[in-house]
Amino acid sequence: MARIVILGAGIGGVPMAYEMKEAVGQHHEVIVISNSPTFHFVPSNVWVPTGWRTAEALKIELAPVLQSKGIAFIQKAASSIDPDNNQVILDDQSAVPYDFLIIATGPRLAFDEIPGLGPDGHTSSVCHVDHAAAATEDWRKFIENPGPIVVGAVQGASCFGPAYEYLMVLETELRNRKMRDKVPMTFVTSEPYIGHLGLGGVGDTKGLLESALRDKTIKWITNARVDKIESGMMYVTEVDEDGHDKKKHELPFKHSMMLPAFTGVDAVRHVKAQGLVNPRGFVLVDEYQRNKAYKNMGLRKLKRF
């Protein structure tokens, strides 16, 4: 009997666990490791700060649903991976051996790469349900004392869709509250053009999104590098096609949400095993999503919606 360990229990890990258990049946063991007792649906986080959804409505207890499928669940954080000995090391220093390991943790949110970025700084986040829940208080204060809004994605970000969606959620909420005329809105993004999405565009996303922003009187800055964020002020450098500084912007805000860059999670990115990760801490894989150095280790690859 083989032991298949899945590290992470989000929108990658939980479907992977279901699919793997269905494929191997009772002949092999499937174990999920997660630092959280709950699954939450990340794409719905953008609705939480404005109250369109509650954080609790997005959560599902993992243990009962996994156990009902015959999948073991360990609710502990992983501190490291030992690929040479086929073990996941947990925070309590216990080890979970595996025959096959599937990494589905999602990324580490690299708020620390820009001074003042993130929920511990001066901007809100919708990257995690707990961040989105905390942002409800920031939004409540904003409604009491409205002003400029800045939304977008910083340099190094690789996921841009949630920034556009959150921008449109806020714009709609402000119109519903009859407050839109009091709130200048700016979209700041490292993309080379609006609608690039990190994919070189999808169909006519450039034209469609530019038109939508113009129609809703939302300004934008592309090719943007966020230098630092202070309370109520974002310092942004607009660069040209060669990466040279083109224009400096100082953007005041009363509410801001900026998507960060990603790195691999700590449990993986700090492992010194040769051939495991790239300089950003992401696992190196072949065309089958297997690590090139450790063939019994791979990633859960999400399909784009």
Foldseek 3Di string as FASTA:
>chain_A
DFEEEEEADEPQRVVVQLVVCVVCPPVYAYEYEEQDQWYFHLLCLLCDLLPNDDLVVRIDGDCVVCVVSVHHYHNFAFQAADLVQQWTQTPVRDTDHGPFYAYEHDFDQPQVVAAQDEPVGAAAESRDSVSSNVSNVLVVVCVVPPEEEEFFAAPQAQATVSRLVSQVSVLVSCVVVVNNVRYAYEYEYLAQAQQCRNPNHDPVSRVVVVVVCVVSNYHYAYNWHFHHDHHQWTWIFRADPVRHTDDIDIGGGSHYYYGGHTAHDNRQQPDPDPQQADPRRHGDADPVQARPVRRSYGYRDDDDD
